[in-house]
Amino acid sequence: MWHALLVLFYHTVFSFTKHMYVCVRTVFLLTSECSSLTVTLVITLRKFLSLIFSVIYFRNPFTIYHWIGSVFTFTGSLLFTGLHVTLMVQLGLMKPEEEKTSVDSDAVMVREVTKIEEETREPGIRKRQQVASGSN
């Protein structure tokens, strides 16, 4: 009897450890390939799916707060992926040129911030750079 319980305990611990390793390894791989915002979005969706599974499997009630959270989760995910822009182009509500500027707004913002940082450097540093490059 004790032997069977001990085997079951070790099997459960080993199984749990193996699954935790796979989850952590997957998150690390995702972190190395994607931005932190994308990783956060994926983890949030995974947690949401776990919640839905829990509600269905354990027959817990799905309250109005769950529905509100579901709407926020999926709306934020769709906005982040840019699916709304693609749908608007397909429906003819937006021109394809507008789609590019809308999707690339983060890249444009980074370029603008870099430009502002370069313009606000100390004048002494800029002068030394000009002297070093041979231009006056």
C-alpha atoms as a PDB file:
ATOM      1  CA  MET A   1       0.000   0.000   0.000  1.00  0.00           C
ATOM      2  CA  TRP A   2       2.697   2.485   1.022  1.00  0.00           C
ATOM      3  CA  HIS A   3       4.805   1.431  -1.911  1.00  0.00           C
ATOM      4  CA  ALA A   4       2.002   2.253  -4.367  1.00  0.00           C
ATOM      5  CA  LEU A   5       1.440   5.663  -2.745  1.00  0.00           C
ATOM      6  CA  LEU A   6       5.155   6.412  -2.870  1.00  0.00           C
ATOM      7  CA  VAL A   7       5.354   5.462  -6.566  1.00  0.00           C
ATOM      8  CA  LEU A   8       2.299   7.614  -7.288  1.00  0.00           C
ATOM      9  CA  PHE A   9       3.842  10.532  -5.391  1.00  0.00           C
ATOM     10  CA  TYR A  10       7.172  10.308  -7.267  1.00  0.00           C
ATOM     11  CA  HIS A  11       5.368   9.909 -10.594  1.00  0.00           C
ATOM     12  CA  THR A  12       3.300  13.033  -9.877  1.00  0.00           C
ATOM     13  CA  VAL A  13       6.328  15.072  -8.819  1.00  0.00           C
ATOM     14  CA  PHE A  14       8.340  13.941 -11.861  1.00  0.00           C
ATOM     15  CA  SER A  15       5.443  14.672 -14.212  1.00  0.00           C
ATOM     16  CA  PHE A  16       4.905  18.116 -12.695  1.00  0.00           C
ATOM     17  CA  THR A  17       8.623  18.937 -12.894  1.00  0.00           C
ATOM     18  CA  LYS A  18       8.801  17.818 -16.519  1.00  0.00           C
ATOM     19  CA  HIS A  19       5.826  19.968 -17.489  1.00  0.00           C
ATOM     20  CA  MET A  20       7.215  22.981 -15.612  1.00  0.00           C
ATOM     21  CA  TYR A  21      10.518  22.585 -17.469  1.00  0.00           C
ATOM     22  CA  VAL A  22       8.721  22.541 -20.827  1.00  0.00           C
ATOM     23  CA  CYS A  23       6.694  25.644 -19.923  1.00  0.00           C
ATOM     24  CA  VAL A  24       9.684  27.627 -18.659  1.00  0.00           C
ATOM     25  CA  ARG A  25      11.824  26.571 -21.620  1.00  0.00           C
ATOM     26  CA  THR A  26       9.090  27.639 -24.044  1.00  0.00           C
ATOM     27  CA  VAL A  27       8.775  31.056 -22.394  1.00  0.00           C
ATOM     28  CA  PHE A  28      12.575  31.548 -22.566  1.00  0.00           C
ATOM     29  CA  LEU A  29      12.598  30.619 -26.249  1.00  0.00           C
ATOM     30  CA  LEU A  30       9.693  32.956 -26.915  1.00  0.00           C
ATOM     31  CA  THR A  31      11.502  35.736 -25.046  1.00  0.00           C
ATOM     32  CA  SER A  32      14.586  35.305 -27.212  1.00  0.00           C
ATOM     33  CA  GLU A  33      12.540  35.490 -30.430  1.00  0.00           C
ATOM     34  CA  CYS A  34       9.834  38.092 -29.663  1.00  0.00           C
ATOM     35  CA  SER A  35       9.390  41.412 -27.920  1.00  0.00           C
ATOM     36  CA  SER A  36       8.443  41.479 -24.255  1.00  0.00           C
ATOM     37  CA  LEU A  37       4.988  42.785 -25.132  1.00  0.00           C
ATOM     38  CA  THR A  38       4.373  39.792 -27.398  1.00  0.00           C
ATOM     39  CA  VAL A  39       5.550  37.400 -24.670  1.00  0.00           C
ATOM     40  CA  THR A  40       3.229  39.064 -22.152  1.00  0.00           C
ATOM     41  CA  LEU A  41       0.332  38.808 -24.594  1.00  0.00           C
ATOM     42  CA  VAL A  42       0.971  35.098 -25.211  1.00  0.00           C
ATOM     43  CA  ILE A  43       1.233  34.362 -21.487  1.00  0.00           C
ATOM     44  CA  THR A  44      -1.967  36.321 -20.799  1.00  0.00           C
ATOM     45  CA  LEU A  45      -3.834  34.371 -23.475  1.00  0.00           C
ATOM     46  CA  ARG A  46      -2.483  31.095 -22.086  1.00  0.00           C
ATOM     47  CA  LYS A  47      -3.719  32.025 -18.610  1.00  0.00           C
ATOM     48  CA  PHE A  48      -7.084  32.998 -20.039  1.00  0.00           C
ATOM     49  CA  LEU A  49      -7.388  29.628 -21.798  1.00  0.00           C
ATOM     50  CA  SER A  50      -6.448  27.908 -18.524  1.00  0.00           C
ATOM     51  CA  LEU A  51      -9.243  29.816 -16.823  1.00  0.00           C
ATOM     52  CA  ILE A  52     -11.752  28.759 -19.483  1.00  0.00           C
ATOM     53  CA  PHE A  53     -10.590  25.142 -19.177  1.00  0.00           C
ATOM     54  CA  SER A  54     -11.005  25.359 -15.402  1.00  0.00           C
ATOM     55  CA  VAL A  55     -14.526  26.771 -15.713  1.00  0.00           C
ATOM     56  CA  ILE A  56     -15.555  24.010 -18.096  1.00  0.00           C
ATOM     57  CA  TYR A  57     -13.755  21.093 -16.419  1.00  0.00           C
ATOM     58  CA  PHE A  58     -14.701  21.921 -12.821  1.00  0.00           C
ATOM     59  CA  ARG A  59     -18.132  23.287 -13.800  1.00  0.00           C
ATOM     60  CA  ASN A  60     -17.531  26.622 -12.114  1.00  0.00           C
ATOM     61  CA  PRO A  61     -19.897  29.506 -12.863  1.00  0.00           C
ATOM     62  CA  PHE A  62     -18.880  31.965 -15.583  1.00  0.00           C
ATOM     63  CA  THR A  63     -19.974  35.334 -14.166  1.00  0.00           C
ATOM     64  CA  ILE A  64     -20.385  38.720 -15.806  1.00  0.00           C
ATOM     65  CA  TYR A  65     -16.880  39.626 -14.593  1.00  0.00           C
ATOM     66  CA  HIS A  66     -15.475  36.681 -16.539  1.00  0.00           C
ATOM     67  CA  TRP A  67     -17.278  37.916 -19.664  1.00  0.00           C
ATOM     68  CA  ILE A  68     -15.919  41.445 -19.199  1.00  0.00           C
ATOM     69  CA  GLY A  69     -12.402  40.070 -18.749  1.00  0.00           C
ATOM     70  CA  SER A  70     -12.845  37.909 -21.850  1.00  0.00           C
ATOM     71  CA  VAL A  71     -13.877  40.913 -23.939  1.00  0.00           C
ATOM     72  CA  PHE A  72     -10.901  42.953 -22.705  1.00  0.00           C
ATOM     73  CA  THR A  73      -8.469  40.077 -23.295  1.00  0.00           C
ATOM     74  CA  PHE A  74      -9.543  39.348 -26.852  1.00  0.00           C
ATOM     75  CA  THR A  75      -9.982  43.016 -27.789  1.00  0.00           C
ATOM     76  CA  GLY A  76      -6.469  43.818 -26.601  1.00  0.00           C
ATOM     77  CA  SER A  77      -5.046  40.794 -28.397  1.00  0.00           C
ATOM     78  CA  LEU A  78      -6.741  41.702 -31.668  1.00  0.00           C
ATOM     79  CA  LEU A  79      -5.638  45.328 -31.418  1.00  0.00           C
ATOM     80  CA  PHE A  80      -2.047  44.268 -30.751  1.00  0.00           C
ATOM     81  CA  THR A  81      -1.881  41.886 -33.695  1.00  0.00           C
ATOM     82  CA  GLY A  82      -3.189  44.544 -36.086  1.00  0.00           C
ATOM     83  CA  LEU A  83      -5.995  42.308 -37.302  1.00  0.00           C
ATOM     84  CA  HIS A  84      -8.413  45.239 -37.158  1.00  0.00           C
ATOM     85  CA  VAL A  85      -6.289  47.123 -39.700  1.00  0.00           C
ATOM     86  CA  THR A  86      -6.263  44.168 -42.095  1.00  0.00           C
ATOM     87  CA  LEU A  87     -10.047  43.797 -41.774  1.00  0.00           C
ATOM     88  CA  MET A  88     -10.580  47.500 -42.416  1.00  0.00           C
ATOM     89  CA  VAL A  89      -8.485  47.273 -45.593  1.00  0.00           C
ATOM     90  CA  GLN A  90     -10.408  44.188 -46.732  1.00  0.00           C
ATOM     91  CA  LEU A  91     -13.717  45.957 -46.121  1.00  0.00           C
ATOM     92  CA  GLY A  92     -12.522  49.042 -48.000  1.00  0.00           C
ATOM     93  CA  LEU A  93     -12.667  51.302 -44.943  1.00  0.00           C
ATOM     94  CA  MET A  94      -8.927  52.037 -45.071  1.00  0.00           C
ATOM     95  CA  LYS A  95      -6.402  52.375 -47.877  1.00  0.00           C
ATOM     96  CA  PRO A  96      -3.406  50.002 -47.927  1.00  0.00           C
ATOM     97  CA  GLU A  97      -1.024  52.990 -47.502  1.00  0.00           C
ATOM     98  CA  GLU A  98      -2.734  53.860 -44.226  1.00  0.00           C
ATOM     99  CA  GLU A  99      -2.307  50.255 -43.111  1.00  0.00           C
ATOM    100  CA  LYS A 100       1.482  50.474 -43.417  1.00  0.00           C
ATOM    101  CA  THR A 101       1.705  53.661 -41.372  1.00  0.00           C
ATOM    102  CA  SER A 102      -0.650  52.284 -38.756  1.00  0.00           C
ATOM    103  CA  VAL A 103       1.211  48.992 -38.316  1.00  0.00           C
ATOM    104  CA  ASP A 104       4.669  50.600 -38.407  1.00  0.00           C
ATOM    105  CA  SER A 105       3.837  53.332 -35.891  1.00  0.00           C
ATOM    106  CA  ASP A 106       6.185  51.820 -33.281  1.00  0.00           C
ATOM    107  CA  ALA A 107       9.112  51.881 -35.719  1.00  0.00           C
ATOM    108  CA  VAL A 108       8.337  55.489 -36.675  1.00  0.00           C
ATOM    109  CA  MET A 109       8.167  56.456 -33.015  1.00  0.00           C
ATOM    110  CA  VAL A 110      11.559  54.837 -32.328  1.00  0.00           C
ATOM    111  CA  ARG A 111      13.096  56.730 -35.262  1.00  0.00           C
ATOM    112  CA  GLU A 112      11.632  60.016 -34.021  1.00  0.00           C
ATOM    113  CA  VAL A 113      12.915  59.454 -30.472  1.00  0.00           C
ATOM    114  CA  THR A 114      16.373  58.621 -31.832  1.00  0.00           C
ATOM    115  CA  LYS A 115      16.322  61.770 -33.965  1.00  0.00           C
ATOM    116  CA  ILE A 116      15.330  63.910 -30.970  1.00  0.00           C
ATOM    117  CA  GLU A 117      18.065  62.327 -28.836  1.00  0.00           C
ATOM    118  CA  GLU A 118      20.661  63.098 -31.503  1.00  0.00           C
ATOM    119  CA  GLU A 119      19.450  66.698 -31.818  1.00  0.00           C
ATOM    120  CA  THR A 120      19.610  67.302 -28.064  1.00  0.00           C
ATOM    121  CA  ARG A 121      23.158  66.085 -27.533  1.00  0.00           C
ATOM    122  CA  GLU A 122      25.612  68.402 -25.854  1.00  0.00           C
ATOM    123  CA  PRO A 123      27.060  70.939 -28.289  1.00  0.00           C
ATOM    124  CA  GLY A 124      30.591  70.079 -27.126  1.00  0.00           C
ATOM    125  CA  ILE A 125      30.194  66.441 -28.062  1.00  0.00           C
ATOM    126  CA  ARG A 126      28.803  67.376 -31.487  1.00  0.00           C
ATOM    127  CA  LYS A 127      31.688  69.820 -32.057  1.00  0.00           C
ATOM    128  CA  ARG A 128      34.295  67.150 -31.106  1.00  0.00           C
ATOM    129  CA  GLN A 129      32.627  64.721 -33.524  1.00  0.00           C
ATOM    130  CA  GLN A 130      32.796  67.316 -36.316  1.00  0.00           C
ATOM    131  CA  VAL A 131      36.467  68.038 -35.589  1.00  0.00           C
ATOM    132  CA  ALA A 132      37.281  64.326 -35.472  1.00  0.00           C
ATOM    133  CA  SER A 133      35.536  63.737 -38.829  1.00  0.00           C
ATOM    134  CA  GLY A 134      37.313  66.727 -40.418  1.00  0.00           C
ATOM    135  CA  SER A 135      34.228  68.877 -41.092  1.00  0.00           C
ATOM    136  CA  ASN A 136      33.692  72.345 -39.613  1.00  0.00           C
END
